[in-house]
Amino acid sequence: MKVQTITTTPFSGQKPGTSGLRKKVNVFQQARYLENFVQAIFDSLDNFQGKTLVVGGDGRYYNQQAIQIILKMAAANGFGKVMVGQNGILSTPAASAIIRKYQAFGGIILSASHNPGGPEGDFGIKYNISNGGPAPEKVTEAIYEHTQTMGEYRIADLPSIDLSQLGAFTQETFVVEVIDAVSDYAELMETLFDFDRIKELFQSGFAMRFDAMHAVTGPYAKTILENKLGAPVGTVMNGIPLEDFGQGHPDPNLTYAHELVEIMFGDNAPEFGAASDGDGDRNMILGNHFFVTPSDSLAILAANAHLSPGYKDGLAGIARSMPTSKAADLVAEKAGIGCYETPTGWKFFGNLLDAGKATLCGEESFGTGSSHVREKDGLWAVLFWLDILAARQQSVAGIVRSHWATYGRNYYSRHDYEGVDSHAASALMDNLKHQFEKLVGKLFGNYEVEFCDDFSYTDPVDNSLSSNQGIRVGFTDGSRIVFRLSGTGTEGATLRIYLESFESETAKQDLDAQIVLAELIQIANEIAGIQKYTGREKPTVIT
């Protein structure tokens, strides 16, 4: 096997976080750009010679071409084997499951998550470590440092691999195994949920729609929902992965999953609806004319986890990101288990899961997961809901309202301002920080400010400190507003505003959240100067 050492130059770019490096496709298509980053990944790792690497992606444009480059570079750098999903497909949670099952050294996942795809769209790459989870900061920092100093990359002169055919390709001591992308993941799901009970639910005439949004979960959902569980053919909509996601935006929320929303809020709506995103790690849950917030979904899964075989012995604890509503805290308190409030980012959950401190975890950005993998898992959440629906024999709305009656309702909403000028967004956040002292004790209508801070987190496992994780404004009645800048996009910044207010009285728990939160929304606009800094009169997305 001939290995070439190609002279290159360092490139300056964003630091990859746990979501990896995300740029427009044409940036990755630049000469040596992808190669530089892949070599930087390998140069940041130790003791991987002869070991196994897992590779796959969400099927977006440039996925297969990138995989061929990665295979040749893995061979040149000394990996012994690469397991790659058929047709280059692996959902992010499936990749995590495969890394863990086969004790691989790590994995490279090609995805820009819920961002649009196609030639003019986005592309992404990230590295996952041996526990199946996203690389921690020390690894991503090392990768970034290598991109700034590298002078060469290594690539093997190998023929392209036919990724459509299952089987092994061997070149000297290097092996590429093209694997079924779905089977290992489906087997794992069967150990967690009562498939026979869910089959009976579908046999009773229960109807649902799952929107794969022409993204990675189509094959997974068809295999599990329609083939294994007996859901009628057609239950899975938009189930064929396309390089441009059917020119859609594969983000499972009320705005971008509008086709499913129209079905679920239309005439003759089925009992249950769900959607997942580009790489399969997010989920949206709907009932007949009913939307379940991701925060409520996490709390309800936790409260009912004992109904599913995989969680029948109870939960070690629950973890949620700071912007996620406190609904899960109430479940943890009643169950007498720990509840951890972390910064946004799945790596923080990984530490807690590995240490046995938490079993379920979730973020308000439509991500939930558990100790079965080290990524959030969209289809897992859908199956969890189906198992609960089958066990309780209630509607989605009935289960949610019963939960509110027991624990109270955390009225909650997120307002996203997408594509905001980065400098303007940073100025808004800086202005908020300068107001902390004068805001405390100030009265806004019915709301008095109790505290303001910039959230920081000390990891209970490794004692690492993470600062500047989002601005919190807390009120004396327990309500709060959170302001964060998100780095998941490739153009400008996304300003996210989270609003939460608790209601214990059952008679007041079935109101429209935007109406209940209207005064808090107005307060958020007033103290942050949203219109002044962003130039926007309303959010891009409200969930």
Protein backbone atom coordinates (compact mmCIF):
# COMPACT_ATOMS: atom_id res chain seq x y z
CA MET A 1 0.00 0.00 0.00
CA LYS A 2 1.56 3.23 -1.17
CA VAL A 3 1.29 6.17 1.22
CA GLN A 4 1.76 9.74 0.04
CA THR A 5 2.82 12.59 2.29
CA ILE A 6 1.33 15.79 0.92
CA THR A 7 2.75 19.17 1.87
CA THR A 8 0.06 21.53 3.08
CA THR A 9 -0.35 24.76 4.99
CA PRO A 10 -2.24 25.46 8.25
CA PHE A 11 -5.72 26.87 7.95
CA SER A 12 -7.41 29.32 10.23
CA GLY A 13 -10.98 28.52 11.15
CA GLN A 14 -13.43 28.16 13.98
CA LYS A 15 -12.53 26.00 16.91
CA PRO A 16 -14.45 22.73 16.62
CA GLY A 17 -16.78 22.17 19.54
CA THR A 18 -18.54 18.95 20.50
CA SER A 19 -20.71 19.44 17.39
CA GLY A 20 -17.52 19.47 15.32
CA LEU A 21 -16.53 21.76 12.48
CA ARG A 22 -19.39 23.14 10.39
CA LYS A 23 -18.98 25.17 7.23
CA LYS A 24 -20.61 25.59 3.84
CA VAL A 25 -20.05 22.66 1.47
CA ASN A 26 -17.87 24.74 -0.86
CA VAL A 27 -15.50 25.45 2.04
CA PHE A 28 -14.94 21.74 2.63
CA GLN A 29 -14.49 21.24 -1.12
CA GLN A 30 -11.49 23.57 -1.15
CA ALA A 31 -8.20 21.85 -1.89
CA ARG A 32 -6.75 20.21 1.24
CA TYR A 33 -9.40 21.68 3.60
CA LEU A 34 -11.05 18.39 4.61
CA GLU A 35 -7.73 16.58 4.47
CA ASN A 36 -6.14 19.10 6.82
CA PHE A 37 -8.89 18.71 9.39
CA VAL A 38 -8.90 14.90 9.23
CA GLN A 39 -5.12 14.84 9.64
CA ALA A 40 -5.47 17.21 12.59
CA ILE A 41 -7.89 14.73 14.19
CA PHE A 42 -5.45 11.85 13.74
CA ASP A 43 -2.47 13.92 14.92
CA SER A 44 -4.33 14.74 18.14
CA LEU A 45 -4.83 11.04 18.98
CA ASP A 46 -2.45 8.48 20.49
CA ASN A 47 -2.11 4.71 20.34
CA PHE A 48 -4.67 4.02 17.62
CA GLN A 49 -2.39 2.02 15.29
CA GLY A 50 -4.08 -1.19 14.23
CA LYS A 51 -7.36 -0.27 15.93
CA THR A 52 -10.89 0.27 14.62
CA LEU A 53 -12.47 3.52 13.50
CA VAL A 54 -16.22 3.94 12.79
CA VAL A 55 -17.21 6.29 9.96
CA GLY A 56 -20.59 7.40 8.65
CA GLY A 57 -22.83 10.39 8.18
CA ASP A 58 -26.28 11.76 7.61
CA GLY A 59 -26.22 11.32 3.82
CA ARG A 60 -26.02 15.01 2.99
CA TYR A 61 -24.26 16.35 -0.10
CA TYR A 62 -20.50 15.55 -0.18
CA ASN A 63 -20.92 12.76 2.39
CA GLN A 64 -19.71 9.89 0.21
CA GLN A 65 -16.83 11.81 -1.36
CA ALA A 66 -15.60 12.83 2.10
CA ILE A 67 -15.79 9.24 3.34
CA GLN A 68 -13.55 8.00 0.53
CA ILE A 69 -10.91 10.56 1.54
CA ILE A 70 -11.22 9.60 5.22
CA LEU A 71 -10.82 5.88 4.43
CA LYS A 72 -7.59 6.51 2.53
CA MET A 73 -6.25 8.76 5.26
CA ALA A 74 -7.17 6.27 8.00
CA ALA A 75 -5.18 3.62 6.16
CA ALA A 76 -2.21 5.93 5.71
CA ASN A 77 -2.18 6.92 9.38
CA GLY A 78 -2.18 3.36 10.69
CA PHE A 79 -5.73 2.38 11.63
CA GLY A 80 -6.24 -1.35 11.19
CA LYS A 81 -9.92 -1.28 10.33
CA VAL A 82 -12.70 1.12 9.44
CA MET A 83 -16.35 0.18 9.88
CA VAL A 84 -18.48 2.35 7.59
CA GLY A 85 -22.26 2.44 7.21
CA GLN A 86 -23.76 1.15 3.97
CA ASN A 87 -24.03 4.00 1.44
CA GLY A 88 -22.08 6.09 3.93
CA ILE A 89 -25.11 6.30 6.21
CA LEU A 90 -24.97 6.19 10.00
CA SER A 91 -27.21 8.18 12.28
CA THR A 92 -25.27 9.88 15.05
CA PRO A 93 -26.82 7.72 17.83
CA ALA A 94 -26.25 4.58 15.74
CA ALA A 95 -22.59 5.52 15.29
CA SER A 96 -22.32 5.92 19.06
CA ALA A 97 -23.95 2.53 19.59
CA ILE A 98 -21.60 0.84 17.12
CA ILE A 99 -18.49 2.41 18.66
CA ARG A 100 -19.59 1.08 22.05
CA LYS A 101 -20.71 -2.37 20.89
CA TYR A 102 -17.54 -3.16 18.93
CA GLN A 103 -15.21 -1.30 21.32
CA ALA A 104 -13.86 0.84 18.51
CA PHE A 105 -11.14 3.37 19.19
CA GLY A 106 -13.46 6.17 18.07
CA GLY A 107 -15.47 7.44 15.17
CA ILE A 108 -15.78 10.22 12.61
CA ILE A 109 -19.32 11.44 11.98
CA LEU A 110 -20.10 13.57 8.94
CA SER A 111 -23.06 15.78 9.69
CA ALA A 112 -24.17 19.35 10.17
CA SER A 113 -27.08 18.03 12.26
CA HIS A 114 -30.29 19.97 11.59
CA ASN A 115 -28.70 22.48 9.17
CA PRO A 116 -29.82 22.51 5.49
CA GLY A 117 -27.90 20.38 2.97
CA GLY A 118 -27.21 20.33 -0.76
CA PRO A 119 -24.46 21.93 -2.87
CA GLU A 120 -25.26 25.35 -1.40
CA GLY A 121 -25.90 24.00 2.08
CA ASP A 122 -23.83 23.04 5.10
CA PHE A 123 -21.41 20.22 5.85
CA GLY A 124 -19.84 19.10 9.09
CA ILE A 125 -17.39 16.68 10.64
CA LYS A 126 -16.78 15.66 14.24
CA TYR A 127 -14.82 13.10 16.19
CA ASN A 128 -16.33 10.79 18.84
CA ILE A 129 -14.22 9.02 21.43
CA SER A 130 -14.26 5.40 22.58
CA ASN A 131 -17.27 5.80 24.89
CA GLY A 132 -19.29 6.75 21.80
CA GLY A 133 -19.65 10.37 22.84
CA PRO A 134 -18.44 13.67 21.38
CA ALA A 135 -14.79 14.52 21.90
CA PRO A 136 -14.17 16.50 25.10
CA GLU A 137 -12.67 19.97 25.04
CA LYS A 138 -9.10 18.77 25.53
CA VAL A 139 -9.38 16.78 22.29
CA THR A 140 -11.14 19.48 20.26
CA GLU A 141 -8.60 22.03 21.50
CA ALA A 142 -5.77 19.72 20.39
CA ILE A 143 -7.39 19.29 16.98
CA TYR A 144 -7.65 23.04 16.59
CA GLU A 145 -4.01 23.57 17.58
CA HIS A 146 -2.89 21.04 14.98
CA THR A 147 -4.87 22.83 12.25
CA GLN A 148 -2.85 25.96 13.06
CA THR A 149 0.59 24.34 12.83
CA MET A 150 0.40 21.35 10.51
CA GLY A 151 2.60 21.11 7.42
CA GLU A 152 1.54 17.83 5.82
CA TYR A 153 -1.09 15.13 5.64
CA ARG A 154 -0.89 11.44 4.79
CA ILE A 155 -3.11 9.59 2.35
CA ALA A 156 -2.96 6.06 0.91
CA ASP A 157 -3.23 5.23 -2.78
CA LEU A 158 -6.30 3.00 -2.44
CA PRO A 159 -9.14 2.40 -4.90
CA SER A 160 -12.52 3.85 -3.96
CA ILE A 161 -14.71 1.50 -1.95
CA ASP A 162 -18.20 0.55 -3.18
CA LEU A 163 -20.18 1.71 -0.17
CA SER A 164 -23.42 0.24 -1.49
CA GLN A 165 -22.23 -3.34 -0.99
CA LEU A 166 -22.01 -5.01 2.42
CA GLY A 167 -18.75 -6.80 3.11
CA ALA A 168 -15.05 -6.35 3.75
CA PHE A 169 -12.34 -4.87 1.53
CA THR A 170 -8.77 -5.77 2.52
CA GLN A 171 -5.57 -4.06 1.42
CA GLU A 172 -2.54 -5.62 3.11
CA THR A 173 -3.23 -5.14 6.86
CA PHE A 174 -5.97 -2.53 6.40
CA VAL A 175 -9.66 -3.54 6.32
CA VAL A 176 -12.76 -1.54 5.36
CA GLU A 177 -15.98 -3.24 6.45
CA VAL A 178 -19.22 -1.87 5.00
CA ILE A 179 -21.87 -2.67 7.59
CA ASP A 180 -25.65 -2.61 7.77
CA ALA A 181 -26.35 0.84 9.16
CA VAL A 182 -29.55 -0.18 10.98
CA SER A 183 -29.26 -3.69 12.41
CA ASP A 184 -27.08 -3.06 15.48
CA TYR A 185 -29.12 -0.02 16.46
CA ALA A 186 -32.43 -1.87 16.01
CA GLU A 187 -31.19 -4.75 18.19
CA LEU A 188 -30.28 -2.29 20.93
CA MET A 189 -33.76 -0.74 20.83
CA GLU A 190 -35.32 -4.20 21.29
CA THR A 191 -33.47 -4.57 24.60
CA LEU A 192 -34.88 -1.27 25.92
CA PHE A 193 -38.54 -1.33 24.92
CA ASP A 194 -41.38 -3.86 24.87
CA PHE A 195 -41.70 -4.45 21.13
CA ASP A 196 -44.50 -7.00 21.58
CA ARG A 197 -46.57 -4.45 23.50
CA ILE A 198 -45.99 -1.80 20.83
CA LYS A 199 -46.92 -4.32 18.11
CA GLU A 200 -50.23 -4.91 19.88
CA LEU A 201 -50.79 -1.16 19.97
CA PHE A 202 -50.48 -0.93 16.19
CA GLN A 203 -52.61 -4.05 15.74
CA SER A 204 -55.38 -2.31 17.69
CA GLY A 205 -55.63 0.32 14.95
CA PHE A 206 -53.38 2.92 16.55
CA ALA A 207 -52.12 5.34 13.90
CA MET A 208 -49.02 7.52 13.81
CA ARG A 209 -46.88 9.45 11.34
CA PHE A 210 -43.13 9.74 11.54
CA ASP A 211 -41.44 12.43 9.46
CA ALA A 212 -37.86 11.49 8.62
CA MET A 213 -37.51 14.80 6.72
CA HIS A 214 -35.58 13.03 3.91
CA ALA A 215 -32.73 12.66 6.39
CA VAL A 216 -30.85 9.80 8.00
CA THR A 217 -33.61 8.22 10.13
CA GLY A 218 -35.73 7.11 7.17
CA PRO A 219 -34.14 3.63 6.89
CA TYR A 220 -34.08 3.22 10.67
CA ALA A 221 -37.73 4.19 11.08
CA LYS A 222 -38.90 1.99 8.19
CA THR A 223 -37.04 -1.03 9.56
CA ILE A 224 -38.17 -0.58 13.17
CA LEU A 225 -41.63 0.99 12.91
CA GLU A 226 -42.99 -0.62 9.76
CA ASN A 227 -41.05 -3.90 9.52
CA LYS A 228 -40.44 -4.90 13.14
CA LEU A 229 -43.39 -3.25 14.92
CA GLY A 230 -46.00 -3.66 12.21
CA ALA A 231 -46.96 -0.03 11.69
CA PRO A 232 -48.79 0.37 8.36
CA VAL A 233 -46.69 1.06 5.30
CA GLY A 234 -46.68 4.82 4.83
CA THR A 235 -46.36 5.52 8.54
CA VAL A 236 -42.87 6.83 7.74
CA MET A 237 -43.07 9.92 5.53
CA ASN A 238 -40.18 11.53 3.66
CA GLY A 239 -38.29 8.34 4.45
CA ILE A 240 -35.69 8.32 1.65
CA PRO A 241 -32.46 10.13 2.61
CA LEU A 242 -31.60 12.79 0.04
CA GLU A 243 -28.41 14.80 -0.30
CA ASP A 244 -30.35 18.07 -0.03
CA PHE A 245 -33.03 16.72 2.35
CA GLY A 246 -35.62 17.30 -0.35
CA GLN A 247 -34.67 21.00 -0.32
CA GLY A 248 -36.05 21.15 3.20
CA HIS A 249 -34.60 22.21 6.54
CA PRO A 250 -34.23 18.98 8.56
CA ASP A 251 -34.96 20.55 11.94
CA PRO A 252 -37.87 18.86 13.77
CA ASN A 253 -39.75 21.84 15.14
CA LEU A 254 -43.12 23.45 14.55
CA THR A 255 -41.74 25.72 11.84
CA TYR A 256 -39.61 23.43 9.69
CA ALA A 257 -41.59 20.19 10.15
CA HIS A 258 -44.68 22.00 8.88
CA GLU A 259 -45.89 19.06 6.75
CA LEU A 260 -46.19 16.83 9.82
CA VAL A 261 -47.65 19.67 11.90
CA GLU A 262 -50.39 20.23 9.31
CA ILE A 263 -51.29 16.54 9.50
CA MET A 264 -51.32 16.42 13.28
CA PHE A 265 -53.40 19.59 13.61
CA GLY A 266 -55.67 18.83 10.65
CA ASP A 267 -58.84 16.83 10.16
CA ASN A 268 -58.64 13.11 10.99
CA ALA A 269 -55.26 13.53 12.65
CA PRO A 270 -53.61 10.30 13.89
CA GLU A 271 -53.04 9.70 17.59
CA PHE A 272 -49.28 10.22 17.49
CA GLY A 273 -46.76 12.12 15.40
CA ALA A 274 -43.00 12.48 15.57
CA ALA A 275 -40.09 13.77 13.55
CA SER A 276 -36.30 13.59 13.65
CA ASP A 277 -33.53 15.72 12.19
CA GLY A 278 -30.66 15.50 9.72
CA ASP A 279 -28.43 13.11 11.67
CA GLY A 280 -31.12 11.46 13.79
CA ASP A 281 -30.29 12.80 17.24
CA ARG A 282 -33.25 15.17 17.77
CA ASN A 283 -36.97 14.54 18.05
CA MET A 284 -40.31 16.31 18.09
CA ILE A 285 -43.33 14.69 19.74
CA LEU A 286 -46.92 15.52 18.80
CA GLY A 287 -50.33 14.22 19.74
CA ASN A 288 -53.65 14.78 17.99
CA HIS A 289 -53.79 18.62 17.93
CA PHE A 290 -51.17 18.67 20.69
CA PHE A 291 -47.48 19.66 20.86
CA VAL A 292 -45.20 18.30 23.58
CA THR A 293 -42.34 20.63 24.47
CA PRO A 294 -38.94 18.90 24.63
CA SER A 295 -38.64 19.93 28.28
CA ASP A 296 -41.97 18.27 29.14
CA SER A 297 -41.02 15.25 27.07
CA LEU A 298 -37.87 14.68 29.13
CA ALA A 299 -39.82 14.97 32.37
CA ILE A 300 -42.58 12.61 31.19
CA LEU A 301 -40.11 9.99 29.97
CA ALA A 302 -38.39 10.16 33.35
CA ALA A 303 -41.65 9.85 35.29
CA ASN A 304 -42.72 6.82 33.23
CA ALA A 305 -39.36 5.17 32.61
CA HIS A 306 -40.14 2.24 34.91
CA LEU A 307 -42.76 1.08 32.39
CA SER A 308 -40.07 0.11 29.84
CA PRO A 309 -37.87 -2.98 30.26
CA GLY A 310 -34.61 -1.11 29.85
CA TYR A 311 -35.41 1.21 32.77
CA LYS A 312 -37.60 -0.97 34.99
CA ASP A 313 -35.11 -0.82 37.87
CA GLY A 314 -35.34 2.96 38.08
CA LEU A 315 -33.10 5.86 37.18
CA ALA A 316 -29.77 6.77 38.73
CA GLY A 317 -30.51 10.42 38.07
CA ILE A 318 -31.63 12.96 35.49
CA ALA A 319 -29.52 15.59 33.74
CA ARG A 320 -30.74 18.58 31.78
CA SER A 321 -29.09 21.53 30.12
CA MET A 322 -29.44 24.85 31.94
CA PRO A 323 -31.86 26.42 29.40
CA THR A 324 -34.16 23.38 29.60
CA SER A 325 -37.20 23.90 31.82
CA LYS A 326 -37.18 22.69 35.41
CA ALA A 327 -39.95 20.14 34.79
CA ALA A 328 -37.46 17.27 35.10
CA ASP A 329 -36.25 18.64 38.45
CA LEU A 330 -39.72 18.08 39.89
CA VAL A 331 -39.72 14.45 38.77
CA ALA A 332 -36.26 13.87 40.24
CA GLU A 333 -37.24 15.47 43.53
CA LYS A 334 -40.32 13.25 43.90
CA ALA A 335 -38.32 10.15 42.96
CA GLY A 336 -35.54 11.02 45.37
CA ILE A 337 -32.80 10.96 42.73
CA GLY A 338 -30.24 13.51 41.62
CA CYS A 339 -30.93 16.15 38.99
CA TYR A 340 -27.99 17.85 37.30
CA GLU A 341 -28.12 21.22 35.56
CA THR A 342 -25.34 21.39 32.96
CA PRO A 343 -24.24 23.75 30.20
CA THR A 344 -25.60 23.05 26.73
CA GLY A 345 -23.57 20.30 25.05
CA TRP A 346 -23.85 16.52 25.20
CA LYS A 347 -20.28 16.09 26.46
CA PHE A 348 -21.42 17.25 29.90
CA PHE A 349 -24.01 14.48 30.00
CA GLY A 350 -21.40 11.95 28.90
CA ASN A 351 -19.38 12.45 32.07
CA LEU A 352 -22.47 11.98 34.24
CA LEU A 353 -23.59 8.90 32.29
CA ASP A 354 -20.14 7.30 32.41
CA ALA A 355 -19.97 7.91 36.18
CA GLY A 356 -23.39 6.33 36.74
CA LYS A 357 -24.83 9.55 38.14
CA ALA A 358 -27.57 9.93 35.49
CA THR A 359 -29.64 7.61 33.30
CA LEU A 360 -31.79 10.04 31.30
CA CYS A 361 -30.70 13.40 29.97
CA GLY A 362 -32.08 16.06 27.71
CA GLU A 363 -31.88 19.49 26.17
CA GLU A 364 -34.67 21.87 25.27
CA SER A 365 -33.40 21.89 21.68
CA PHE A 366 -35.36 18.71 20.89
CA GLY A 367 -32.66 16.34 22.17
CA THR A 368 -33.17 13.51 24.68
CA GLY A 369 -31.12 10.44 25.42
CA SER A 370 -30.04 7.91 27.99
CA SER A 371 -27.18 5.73 29.11
CA HIS A 372 -27.71 3.35 26.15
CA VAL A 373 -25.45 5.58 23.98
CA ARG A 374 -23.48 8.80 24.48
CA GLU A 375 -25.44 10.97 22.06
CA LYS A 376 -28.97 12.27 22.05
CA ASP A 377 -31.22 9.89 20.16
CA GLY A 378 -34.31 10.93 18.21
CA LEU A 379 -35.83 7.58 17.26
CA TRP A 380 -35.13 6.19 20.75
CA ALA A 381 -37.32 8.95 22.19
CA VAL A 382 -40.10 8.13 19.73
CA LEU A 383 -39.98 4.44 20.69
CA PHE A 384 -39.96 5.39 24.37
CA TRP A 385 -43.15 7.39 23.83
CA LEU A 386 -44.75 4.52 21.93
CA ASP A 387 -43.92 2.13 24.76
CA ILE A 388 -45.49 4.50 27.31
CA LEU A 389 -48.58 5.00 25.12
CA ALA A 390 -48.93 1.22 24.81
CA ALA A 391 -48.51 0.68 28.55
CA ARG A 392 -50.82 3.46 29.72
CA GLN A 393 -53.46 3.25 26.99
CA GLN A 394 -53.95 7.01 27.07
CA SER A 395 -53.60 9.71 24.46
CA VAL A 396 -50.54 11.93 24.24
CA ALA A 397 -52.56 14.89 25.57
CA GLY A 398 -54.00 12.72 28.35
CA ILE A 399 -50.55 11.64 29.52
CA VAL A 400 -49.19 15.19 29.44
CA ARG A 401 -52.17 16.67 31.32
CA SER A 402 -51.99 13.91 33.91
CA HIS A 403 -48.32 14.75 34.38
CA TRP A 404 -49.10 18.44 34.88
CA ALA A 405 -51.79 17.57 37.43
CA THR A 406 -49.21 15.61 39.42
CA TYR A 407 -46.14 17.82 39.10
CA GLY A 408 -47.46 21.20 37.94
CA ARG A 409 -46.83 22.78 34.57
CA ASN A 410 -43.68 24.65 33.59
CA TYR A 411 -44.93 27.02 30.91
CA TYR A 412 -41.99 27.28 28.57
CA SER A 413 -40.99 28.66 25.18
CA ARG A 414 -37.88 29.35 23.13
CA HIS A 415 -37.58 32.27 20.72
CA ASP A 416 -34.82 31.99 18.10
CA TYR A 417 -33.43 34.90 16.13
CA GLU A 418 -31.41 33.19 13.39
CA GLY A 419 -28.68 34.67 11.23
CA VAL A 420 -28.14 37.71 13.45
CA ASP A 421 -25.01 39.77 12.81
CA SER A 422 -22.39 38.23 15.11
CA HIS A 423 -21.06 41.57 16.35
CA ALA A 424 -24.56 42.84 17.12
CA ALA A 425 -25.42 39.62 18.97
CA SER A 426 -22.25 39.85 21.06
CA ALA A 427 -22.98 43.50 21.84
CA LEU A 428 -26.45 42.55 23.08
CA MET A 429 -24.99 39.95 25.44
CA ASP A 430 -22.30 42.35 26.69
CA ASN A 431 -24.94 44.99 27.39
CA LEU A 432 -26.95 42.48 29.43
CA LYS A 433 -23.92 41.63 31.56
CA HIS A 434 -23.36 45.30 32.32
CA GLN A 435 -26.93 45.55 33.66
CA PHE A 436 -26.73 42.81 36.30
CA GLU A 437 -26.44 45.05 39.35
CA LYS A 438 -29.15 47.51 38.40
CA LEU A 439 -31.59 44.77 37.36
CA VAL A 440 -31.58 42.93 40.71
CA GLY A 441 -34.59 44.07 42.75
CA LYS A 442 -36.15 45.87 39.82
CA LEU A 443 -39.91 45.41 39.33
CA PHE A 444 -41.30 44.74 35.85
CA GLY A 445 -45.09 44.63 36.18
CA ASN A 446 -45.81 41.48 38.20
CA TYR A 447 -42.22 40.27 38.09
CA GLU A 448 -39.41 41.28 40.45
CA VAL A 449 -35.84 40.34 39.47
CA GLU A 450 -34.20 38.18 42.15
CA PHE A 451 -30.86 37.46 40.49
CA CYS A 452 -28.85 37.82 37.27
CA ASP A 453 -25.77 35.79 36.39
CA ASP A 454 -23.70 34.24 33.64
CA PHE A 455 -24.10 30.52 34.26
CA SER A 456 -21.00 28.52 35.17
CA TYR A 457 -20.74 24.79 35.90
CA THR A 458 -18.33 22.72 37.94
CA ASP A 459 -18.42 19.15 36.69
CA PRO A 460 -19.13 16.81 39.65
CA VAL A 461 -17.09 14.06 37.96
CA ASP A 462 -13.83 15.76 36.97
CA ASN A 463 -14.23 19.15 38.71
CA SER A 464 -13.65 21.01 35.43
CA LEU A 465 -15.12 24.51 35.27
CA SER A 466 -17.14 25.81 32.33
CA SER A 467 -17.98 29.51 32.43
CA ASN A 468 -19.98 31.98 30.33
CA GLN A 469 -22.66 29.42 29.48
CA GLY A 470 -25.67 31.74 29.22
CA ILE A 471 -27.19 34.72 30.97
CA ARG A 472 -29.94 33.95 33.49
CA VAL A 473 -32.45 36.44 34.83
CA GLY A 474 -34.41 34.89 37.71
CA PHE A 475 -37.55 36.33 39.31
CA THR A 476 -38.86 36.00 42.85
CA ASP A 477 -41.78 33.77 41.79
CA GLY A 478 -39.40 31.23 40.19
CA SER A 479 -39.91 32.44 36.62
CA ARG A 480 -36.83 33.03 34.53
CA ILE A 481 -35.46 34.29 31.23
CA VAL A 482 -32.28 32.86 29.70
CA PHE A 483 -30.24 34.42 26.88
CA ARG A 484 -27.73 32.40 24.86
CA LEU A 485 -25.84 32.62 21.59
CA SER A 486 -25.81 29.36 19.68
CA GLY A 487 -22.97 28.23 17.44
CA THR A 488 -24.82 25.53 15.48
CA GLY A 489 -25.26 27.60 12.32
CA THR A 490 -22.71 28.56 9.65
CA GLU A 491 -23.89 32.10 8.98
CA GLY A 492 -24.03 34.81 11.65
CA ALA A 493 -25.22 34.01 15.15
CA THR A 494 -28.43 32.58 16.55
CA LEU A 495 -29.79 34.41 19.57
CA ARG A 496 -31.92 32.12 21.71
CA ILE A 497 -34.24 33.41 24.42
CA TYR A 498 -35.81 30.92 26.83
CA LEU A 499 -38.83 31.84 28.95
CA GLU A 500 -40.27 29.83 31.84
CA SER A 501 -43.04 30.25 34.42
CA PHE A 502 -44.43 27.60 36.78
CA GLU A 503 -48.15 26.96 37.35
CA SER A 504 -49.36 24.60 40.08
CA GLU A 505 -53.12 25.10 39.71
CA THR A 506 -54.67 22.49 37.43
CA ALA A 507 -57.37 24.90 36.24
CA LYS A 508 -54.67 27.17 34.80
CA GLN A 509 -52.54 24.50 33.13
CA ASP A 510 -54.18 24.29 29.72
CA LEU A 511 -53.61 27.79 28.40
CA ASP A 512 -51.55 28.87 25.40
CA ALA A 513 -47.91 29.23 26.48
CA GLN A 514 -47.31 32.36 24.41
CA ILE A 515 -50.22 34.08 26.16
CA VAL A 516 -49.08 33.00 29.63
CA LEU A 517 -45.52 34.08 28.88
CA ALA A 518 -46.46 37.32 27.10
CA GLU A 519 -45.32 39.58 29.93
CA LEU A 520 -41.99 37.76 30.25
CA ILE A 521 -41.51 38.05 26.47
CA GLN A 522 -42.03 41.79 26.75
CA ILE A 523 -39.58 42.01 29.66
CA ALA A 524 -36.96 40.08 27.67
CA ASN A 525 -37.29 42.51 24.78
CA GLU A 526 -37.05 45.49 27.12
CA ILE A 527 -33.98 44.49 29.13
CA ALA A 528 -32.01 43.06 26.17
CA GLY A 529 -32.93 45.59 23.49
CA ILE A 530 -33.58 42.78 21.05
CA GLN A 531 -35.07 44.91 18.30
CA LYS A 532 -32.37 47.57 18.73
CA TYR A 533 -29.47 45.12 18.41
CA THR A 534 -30.89 42.59 15.93
CA GLY A 535 -33.11 44.80 13.80
CA ARG A 536 -35.79 42.10 14.10
CA GLU A 537 -39.39 42.69 15.10
CA LYS A 538 -40.09 39.02 15.78
CA PRO A 539 -38.23 35.71 16.18
CA THR A 540 -37.40 33.45 13.25
CA VAL A 541 -38.69 30.39 15.10
CA ILE A 542 -40.90 30.05 18.19
CA THR A 543 -41.12 26.70 19.97
